[in-house]
Amino acid sequence: MITHRHTTKWIALVMAVAVCLCLAAVACPEQIKALAGETGVSMEYETALFNTDEVMQVNILMDSDDWDEMLENAMEEEYYSCNMEVNGKTFYNIGIRPKGNTSLSSIANDPTTDRYSFKLEFDHSVKWF
């Protein structure tokens, strides 16, 4: 155990400095970035994926019988195969299933709503050899 008589004072001082630095970082994030050299790398997909200038168009392309069967058996959380179109580009053999726990059971047991959440797996239906 540390028994130096000024240990508590030093710990309090370090904590106070840390809190001040955190508050400064929150208050002046642009100045902190400039001082640090702002070396963040921007990836091409970031601007496409998080583009706030336009709404993403996502369409699930699936046989209507499979869709109805998936919603009827939503509590089993079983994957079904579908295709998906995102901003005009089609992805094939996507795994889709309803997801959730309490929210899924409440929606599945309520005949007045069909506001399911879905989980998509882009490599679920594809077998790799």
N, C-alpha and C. Protein backbone atom coordinates (compact mmCIF):
# COMPACT_ATOMS: atom_id res chain seq x y z
N MET A 1 0.84 -1.18 0.00
CA MET A 1 0.00 0.00 0.00
C MET A 1 0.89 1.25 0.00
N ILE A 2 0.47 2.25 -0.72
CA ILE A 2 1.24 3.49 -0.80
C ILE A 2 0.95 4.31 0.46
N THR A 3 2.02 4.72 1.14
CA THR A 3 1.84 5.41 2.42
C THR A 3 2.45 6.81 2.42
N HIS A 4 2.80 7.34 1.27
CA HIS A 4 3.36 8.68 1.23
C HIS A 4 2.27 9.68 1.62
N ARG A 5 2.61 10.70 2.38
CA ARG A 5 1.60 11.61 2.92
C ARG A 5 0.99 12.54 1.87
N HIS A 6 1.63 12.71 0.70
CA HIS A 6 1.11 13.61 -0.33
C HIS A 6 0.47 12.84 -1.50
N THR A 7 0.35 11.54 -1.39
CA THR A 7 -0.18 10.72 -2.49
C THR A 7 -1.60 11.15 -2.86
N THR A 8 -2.45 11.37 -1.91
CA THR A 8 -3.83 11.77 -2.18
C THR A 8 -3.88 13.11 -2.89
N LYS A 9 -3.02 14.03 -2.49
CA LYS A 9 -2.98 15.35 -3.15
C LYS A 9 -2.53 15.22 -4.59
N TRP A 10 -1.52 14.38 -4.85
CA TRP A 10 -1.04 14.19 -6.23
C TRP A 10 -2.12 13.55 -7.11
N ILE A 11 -2.81 12.56 -6.57
CA ILE A 11 -3.88 11.92 -7.32
C ILE A 11 -4.99 12.92 -7.63
N ALA A 12 -5.36 13.74 -6.69
CA ALA A 12 -6.39 14.76 -6.90
C ALA A 12 -5.95 15.76 -7.96
N LEU A 13 -4.68 16.16 -7.95
CA LEU A 13 -4.16 17.10 -8.94
C LEU A 13 -4.19 16.49 -10.34
N VAL A 14 -3.76 15.23 -10.48
CA VAL A 14 -3.77 14.57 -11.78
C VAL A 14 -5.20 14.44 -12.30
N MET A 15 -6.12 14.09 -11.42
CA MET A 15 -7.52 13.96 -11.83
C MET A 15 -8.08 15.31 -12.27
N ALA A 16 -7.75 16.38 -11.58
CA ALA A 16 -8.23 17.71 -11.94
C ALA A 16 -7.70 18.12 -13.31
N VAL A 17 -6.43 17.84 -13.58
CA VAL A 17 -5.84 18.15 -14.88
C VAL A 17 -6.53 17.32 -15.98
N ALA A 18 -6.79 16.05 -15.72
CA ALA A 18 -7.46 15.19 -16.71
C ALA A 18 -8.86 15.70 -17.01
N VAL A 19 -9.60 16.11 -15.99
CA VAL A 19 -10.94 16.65 -16.20
C VAL A 19 -10.88 17.93 -17.01
N CYS A 20 -9.93 18.80 -16.72
CA CYS A 20 -9.78 20.05 -17.48
C CYS A 20 -9.45 19.77 -18.94
N LEU A 21 -8.58 18.81 -19.20
CA LEU A 21 -8.24 18.47 -20.57
C LEU A 21 -9.45 17.90 -21.32
N CYS A 22 -10.24 17.09 -20.64
CA CYS A 22 -11.46 16.53 -21.26
C CYS A 22 -12.45 17.64 -21.60
N LEU A 23 -12.65 18.56 -20.68
CA LEU A 23 -13.56 19.68 -20.93
C LEU A 23 -13.06 20.56 -22.07
N ALA A 24 -11.77 20.77 -22.15
CA ALA A 24 -11.19 21.56 -23.24
C ALA A 24 -11.39 20.86 -24.58
N ALA A 25 -11.24 19.55 -24.60
CA ALA A 25 -11.43 18.79 -25.83
C ALA A 25 -12.87 18.85 -26.31
N VAL A 26 -13.81 18.82 -25.38
CA VAL A 26 -15.23 18.92 -25.74
C VAL A 26 -15.56 20.33 -26.22
N ALA A 27 -15.00 21.34 -25.58
CA ALA A 27 -15.31 22.73 -25.92
C ALA A 27 -14.65 23.19 -27.21
N CYS A 28 -13.49 22.67 -27.53
CA CYS A 28 -12.74 23.14 -28.69
C CYS A 28 -12.23 21.97 -29.54
N PRO A 29 -13.09 21.16 -30.13
CA PRO A 29 -12.61 19.98 -30.86
C PRO A 29 -11.80 20.34 -32.11
N GLU A 30 -12.16 21.43 -32.80
CA GLU A 30 -11.44 21.80 -34.03
C GLU A 30 -10.01 22.25 -33.73
N GLN A 31 -9.83 22.99 -32.64
CA GLN A 31 -8.49 23.44 -32.27
C GLN A 31 -7.62 22.25 -31.85
N ILE A 32 -8.21 21.28 -31.17
CA ILE A 32 -7.47 20.09 -30.75
C ILE A 32 -7.03 19.30 -31.99
N LYS A 33 -7.92 19.18 -32.98
CA LYS A 33 -7.56 18.48 -34.22
C LYS A 33 -6.42 19.19 -34.92
N ALA A 34 -6.48 20.52 -34.97
CA ALA A 34 -5.42 21.28 -35.64
C ALA A 34 -4.09 21.11 -34.91
N LEU A 35 -4.11 21.14 -33.59
CA LEU A 35 -2.89 20.95 -32.83
C LEU A 35 -2.31 19.56 -33.00
N ALA A 36 -3.18 18.58 -33.16
CA ALA A 36 -2.72 17.19 -33.31
C ALA A 36 -2.29 16.88 -34.74
N GLY A 37 -2.50 17.80 -35.66
CA GLY A 37 -2.09 17.59 -37.03
C GLY A 37 -3.19 17.03 -37.92
N GLU A 38 -4.34 16.75 -37.36
CA GLU A 38 -5.50 16.23 -38.09
C GLU A 38 -5.09 15.26 -39.19
N THR A 39 -4.61 14.12 -38.79
CA THR A 39 -4.12 13.12 -39.73
C THR A 39 -5.16 12.06 -40.07
N GLY A 40 -6.46 12.35 -39.82
CA GLY A 40 -7.52 11.39 -40.12
C GLY A 40 -7.58 11.07 -41.60
N VAL A 41 -7.77 9.82 -41.94
CA VAL A 41 -7.86 9.39 -43.33
C VAL A 41 -9.33 9.18 -43.66
N SER A 42 -9.77 9.76 -44.77
CA SER A 42 -11.16 9.60 -45.20
C SER A 42 -11.21 8.53 -46.29
N MET A 43 -12.03 7.51 -46.06
CA MET A 43 -12.17 6.42 -47.02
C MET A 43 -13.29 6.77 -48.00
N GLU A 44 -13.20 6.25 -49.21
CA GLU A 44 -14.18 6.56 -50.25
C GLU A 44 -15.58 6.11 -49.87
N TYR A 45 -15.71 4.93 -49.24
CA TYR A 45 -17.03 4.43 -48.89
C TYR A 45 -17.75 5.30 -47.87
N GLU A 46 -17.01 6.06 -47.05
CA GLU A 46 -17.63 6.88 -46.03
C GLU A 46 -18.58 7.91 -46.64
N THR A 47 -18.14 8.56 -47.71
CA THR A 47 -18.99 9.58 -48.31
C THR A 47 -20.20 8.97 -49.00
N ALA A 48 -20.06 7.77 -49.55
CA ALA A 48 -21.21 7.11 -50.18
C ALA A 48 -22.17 6.56 -49.13
N LEU A 49 -21.65 5.94 -48.11
CA LEU A 49 -22.49 5.31 -47.11
C LEU A 49 -23.16 6.32 -46.20
N PHE A 50 -22.45 7.36 -45.83
CA PHE A 50 -22.98 8.33 -44.89
C PHE A 50 -23.29 9.67 -45.56
N ASN A 51 -23.67 9.62 -46.83
CA ASN A 51 -24.01 10.83 -47.57
C ASN A 51 -25.33 11.38 -47.04
N THR A 52 -25.30 12.59 -46.51
CA THR A 52 -26.51 13.19 -45.96
C THR A 52 -27.24 14.07 -46.97
N ASP A 53 -26.74 14.13 -48.21
CA ASP A 53 -27.38 14.95 -49.23
C ASP A 53 -28.55 14.25 -49.90
N GLU A 54 -28.61 12.92 -49.84
CA GLU A 54 -29.70 12.20 -50.47
C GLU A 54 -30.09 10.98 -49.64
N VAL A 55 -31.32 10.53 -49.84
CA VAL A 55 -31.84 9.38 -49.11
C VAL A 55 -31.41 8.11 -49.84
N MET A 56 -30.91 7.12 -49.09
CA MET A 56 -30.55 5.83 -49.68
C MET A 56 -31.81 5.08 -50.07
N GLN A 57 -31.78 4.45 -51.23
CA GLN A 57 -32.89 3.61 -51.67
C GLN A 57 -32.51 2.16 -51.45
N VAL A 58 -33.22 1.46 -50.57
CA VAL A 58 -32.95 0.05 -50.27
C VAL A 58 -34.23 -0.73 -50.56
N ASN A 59 -34.14 -1.70 -51.47
CA ASN A 59 -35.28 -2.54 -51.81
C ASN A 59 -34.92 -3.99 -51.58
N ILE A 60 -35.80 -4.69 -50.88
CA ILE A 60 -35.62 -6.12 -50.66
C ILE A 60 -36.41 -6.83 -51.75
N LEU A 61 -35.74 -7.66 -52.54
CA LEU A 61 -36.36 -8.38 -53.64
C LEU A 61 -36.49 -9.84 -53.23
N MET A 62 -37.75 -10.27 -53.00
CA MET A 62 -37.98 -11.59 -52.45
C MET A 62 -39.32 -12.10 -52.95
N ASP A 63 -39.43 -13.40 -53.16
CA ASP A 63 -40.69 -14.01 -53.55
C ASP A 63 -41.74 -13.72 -52.47
N SER A 64 -42.94 -13.32 -52.89
CA SER A 64 -43.96 -12.92 -51.91
C SER A 64 -44.38 -14.08 -50.99
N ASP A 65 -44.37 -15.31 -51.51
CA ASP A 65 -44.71 -16.45 -50.65
C ASP A 65 -43.65 -16.65 -49.56
N ASP A 66 -42.36 -16.50 -49.95
CA ASP A 66 -41.28 -16.61 -48.96
C ASP A 66 -41.38 -15.49 -47.93
N TRP A 67 -41.72 -14.29 -48.39
CA TRP A 67 -41.87 -13.14 -47.48
C TRP A 67 -42.96 -13.43 -46.45
N ASP A 68 -44.13 -13.87 -46.94
CA ASP A 68 -45.23 -14.17 -46.03
C ASP A 68 -44.87 -15.28 -45.05
N GLU A 69 -44.19 -16.30 -45.54
CA GLU A 69 -43.78 -17.42 -44.68
C GLU A 69 -42.80 -16.94 -43.60
N MET A 70 -41.87 -16.07 -44.00
CA MET A 70 -40.90 -15.55 -43.03
C MET A 70 -41.60 -14.76 -41.93
N LEU A 71 -42.58 -13.92 -42.31
CA LEU A 71 -43.30 -13.14 -41.30
C LEU A 71 -44.21 -14.01 -40.44
N GLU A 72 -44.80 -15.06 -41.03
CA GLU A 72 -45.63 -15.98 -40.25
C GLU A 72 -44.81 -16.71 -39.19
N ASN A 73 -43.57 -17.05 -39.52
CA ASN A 73 -42.70 -17.80 -38.63
C ASN A 73 -41.59 -16.92 -38.06
N ALA A 74 -41.91 -15.66 -37.80
CA ALA A 74 -40.90 -14.68 -37.37
C ALA A 74 -40.19 -15.08 -36.09
N MET A 75 -40.90 -15.71 -35.17
CA MET A 75 -40.29 -16.06 -33.89
C MET A 75 -39.20 -17.12 -34.02
N GLU A 76 -39.18 -17.86 -35.11
CA GLU A 76 -38.14 -18.87 -35.30
C GLU A 76 -36.81 -18.26 -35.73
N GLU A 77 -36.81 -17.00 -36.16
CA GLU A 77 -35.62 -16.27 -36.59
C GLU A 77 -34.80 -17.08 -37.60
N GLU A 78 -35.47 -17.67 -38.54
CA GLU A 78 -34.83 -18.47 -39.58
C GLU A 78 -34.51 -17.59 -40.78
N TYR A 79 -33.33 -17.80 -41.38
CA TYR A 79 -32.92 -17.02 -42.54
C TYR A 79 -33.62 -17.48 -43.79
N TYR A 80 -33.97 -16.53 -44.64
CA TYR A 80 -34.53 -16.77 -45.96
C TYR A 80 -33.62 -16.08 -46.97
N SER A 81 -33.65 -16.55 -48.19
CA SER A 81 -32.81 -15.97 -49.23
C SER A 81 -33.55 -14.84 -49.94
N CYS A 82 -32.84 -13.77 -50.22
CA CYS A 82 -33.43 -12.65 -50.97
C CYS A 82 -32.31 -11.97 -51.75
N ASN A 83 -32.70 -11.06 -52.60
CA ASN A 83 -31.77 -10.16 -53.27
C ASN A 83 -32.05 -8.77 -52.73
N MET A 84 -31.07 -7.91 -52.78
CA MET A 84 -31.25 -6.57 -52.24
C MET A 84 -30.69 -5.55 -53.20
N GLU A 85 -31.42 -4.49 -53.42
CA GLU A 85 -30.99 -3.42 -54.29
C GLU A 85 -30.72 -2.19 -53.44
N VAL A 86 -29.50 -1.68 -53.52
CA VAL A 86 -29.11 -0.49 -52.76
C VAL A 86 -28.66 0.57 -53.75
N ASN A 87 -29.42 1.65 -53.84
CA ASN A 87 -29.13 2.75 -54.77
C ASN A 87 -28.87 2.25 -56.19
N GLY A 88 -29.66 1.28 -56.63
CA GLY A 88 -29.55 0.78 -58.00
C GLY A 88 -28.60 -0.38 -58.19
N LYS A 89 -27.79 -0.71 -57.21
CA LYS A 89 -26.86 -1.83 -57.32
C LYS A 89 -27.47 -3.05 -56.62
N THR A 90 -27.53 -4.19 -57.32
CA THR A 90 -28.18 -5.38 -56.79
C THR A 90 -27.16 -6.32 -56.17
N PHE A 91 -27.50 -6.82 -54.99
CA PHE A 91 -26.70 -7.83 -54.29
C PHE A 91 -27.54 -9.10 -54.23
N TYR A 92 -26.92 -10.23 -54.55
CA TYR A 92 -27.66 -11.49 -54.67
C TYR A 92 -27.37 -12.41 -53.49
N ASN A 93 -28.33 -13.30 -53.22
CA ASN A 93 -28.20 -14.34 -52.20
C ASN A 93 -27.90 -13.78 -50.81
N ILE A 94 -28.70 -12.84 -50.39
CA ILE A 94 -28.57 -12.24 -49.06
C ILE A 94 -29.45 -13.05 -48.11
N GLY A 95 -28.97 -13.30 -46.91
CA GLY A 95 -29.78 -13.93 -45.88
C GLY A 95 -30.54 -12.86 -45.12
N ILE A 96 -31.84 -13.06 -44.92
CA ILE A 96 -32.66 -12.09 -44.19
C ILE A 96 -33.53 -12.83 -43.18
N ARG A 97 -33.71 -12.22 -42.02
CA ARG A 97 -34.59 -12.78 -41.01
C ARG A 97 -35.08 -11.67 -40.10
N PRO A 98 -36.26 -11.87 -39.48
CA PRO A 98 -36.70 -10.90 -38.47
C PRO A 98 -35.77 -10.98 -37.26
N LYS A 99 -35.55 -9.84 -36.61
CA LYS A 99 -34.66 -9.85 -35.45
C LYS A 99 -35.34 -9.15 -34.29
N GLY A 100 -34.80 -9.41 -33.13
CA GLY A 100 -35.31 -8.78 -31.92
C GLY A 100 -35.53 -9.82 -30.85
N ASN A 101 -35.90 -9.37 -29.70
CA ASN A 101 -36.20 -10.27 -28.60
C ASN A 101 -37.60 -9.95 -28.11
N THR A 102 -37.74 -9.04 -27.20
CA THR A 102 -39.08 -8.66 -26.74
C THR A 102 -39.82 -7.91 -27.83
N SER A 103 -39.11 -7.07 -28.58
CA SER A 103 -39.78 -6.33 -29.65
C SER A 103 -40.30 -7.28 -30.72
N LEU A 104 -39.54 -8.33 -31.04
CA LEU A 104 -39.98 -9.29 -32.05
C LEU A 104 -41.22 -10.04 -31.58
N SER A 105 -41.22 -10.49 -30.35
CA SER A 105 -42.38 -11.24 -29.85
C SER A 105 -43.61 -10.34 -29.76
N SER A 106 -43.45 -9.07 -29.40
CA SER A 106 -44.61 -8.18 -29.32
C SER A 106 -45.18 -7.89 -30.71
N ILE A 107 -44.33 -7.74 -31.70
CA ILE A 107 -44.81 -7.50 -33.06
C ILE A 107 -45.42 -8.76 -33.65
N ALA A 108 -44.79 -9.91 -33.44
CA ALA A 108 -45.30 -11.18 -33.97
C ALA A 108 -46.66 -11.53 -33.36
N ASN A 109 -46.90 -11.13 -32.13
CA ASN A 109 -48.15 -11.46 -31.45
C ASN A 109 -49.23 -10.38 -31.61
N ASP A 110 -48.92 -9.30 -32.30
CA ASP A 110 -49.88 -8.20 -32.50
C ASP A 110 -50.35 -8.20 -33.95
N PRO A 111 -51.58 -8.58 -34.23
CA PRO A 111 -52.06 -8.66 -35.61
C PRO A 111 -52.27 -7.30 -36.28
N THR A 112 -52.17 -6.21 -35.52
CA THR A 112 -52.42 -4.89 -36.10
C THR A 112 -51.16 -4.21 -36.63
N THR A 113 -50.00 -4.84 -36.47
CA THR A 113 -48.76 -4.21 -36.93
C THR A 113 -47.87 -5.22 -37.63
N ASP A 114 -47.02 -4.70 -38.51
CA ASP A 114 -46.02 -5.54 -39.18
C ASP A 114 -44.69 -4.79 -39.28
N ARG A 115 -44.38 -4.02 -38.25
CA ARG A 115 -43.17 -3.20 -38.24
C ARG A 115 -41.98 -3.98 -37.69
N TYR A 116 -41.57 -5.00 -38.43
CA TYR A 116 -40.46 -5.85 -38.03
C TYR A 116 -39.14 -5.14 -38.27
N SER A 117 -38.15 -5.53 -37.49
CA SER A 117 -36.75 -5.18 -37.76
C SER A 117 -36.14 -6.42 -38.40
N PHE A 118 -35.19 -6.21 -39.31
CA PHE A 118 -34.59 -7.34 -40.01
C PHE A 118 -33.09 -7.36 -39.86
N LYS A 119 -32.55 -8.55 -39.89
CA LYS A 119 -31.10 -8.74 -39.89
C LYS A 119 -30.73 -9.26 -41.27
N LEU A 120 -29.72 -8.65 -41.87
CA LEU A 120 -29.23 -9.07 -43.18
C LEU A 120 -27.83 -9.63 -43.05
N GLU A 121 -27.58 -10.74 -43.70
CA GLU A 121 -26.23 -11.30 -43.74
C GLU A 121 -25.86 -11.50 -45.21
N PHE A 122 -24.85 -10.78 -45.63
CA PHE A 122 -24.47 -10.79 -47.04
C PHE A 122 -23.73 -12.06 -47.44
N ASP A 123 -23.26 -12.83 -46.49
CA ASP A 123 -22.55 -14.06 -46.83
C ASP A 123 -23.26 -15.29 -46.27
N HIS A 124 -24.50 -15.15 -45.84
CA HIS A 124 -25.21 -16.25 -45.20
C HIS A 124 -25.58 -17.36 -46.17
N SER A 125 -26.07 -17.01 -47.36
CA SER A 125 -26.55 -18.01 -48.30
C SER A 125 -25.45 -18.57 -49.19
N VAL A 126 -24.29 -17.96 -49.17
CA VAL A 126 -23.21 -18.38 -50.05
C VAL A 126 -22.34 -19.39 -49.32
N LYS A 127 -22.11 -20.53 -49.92
CA LYS A 127 -21.22 -21.55 -49.34
C LYS A 127 -19.82 -21.35 -49.94
N TRP A 128 -18.83 -21.22 -49.06
CA TRP A 128 -17.44 -21.06 -49.54
C TRP A 128 -16.75 -22.40 -49.49
N PHE A 129 -16.07 -22.76 -50.57
CA PHE A 129 -15.37 -24.04 -50.65
C PHE A 129 -13.88 -23.84 -50.60
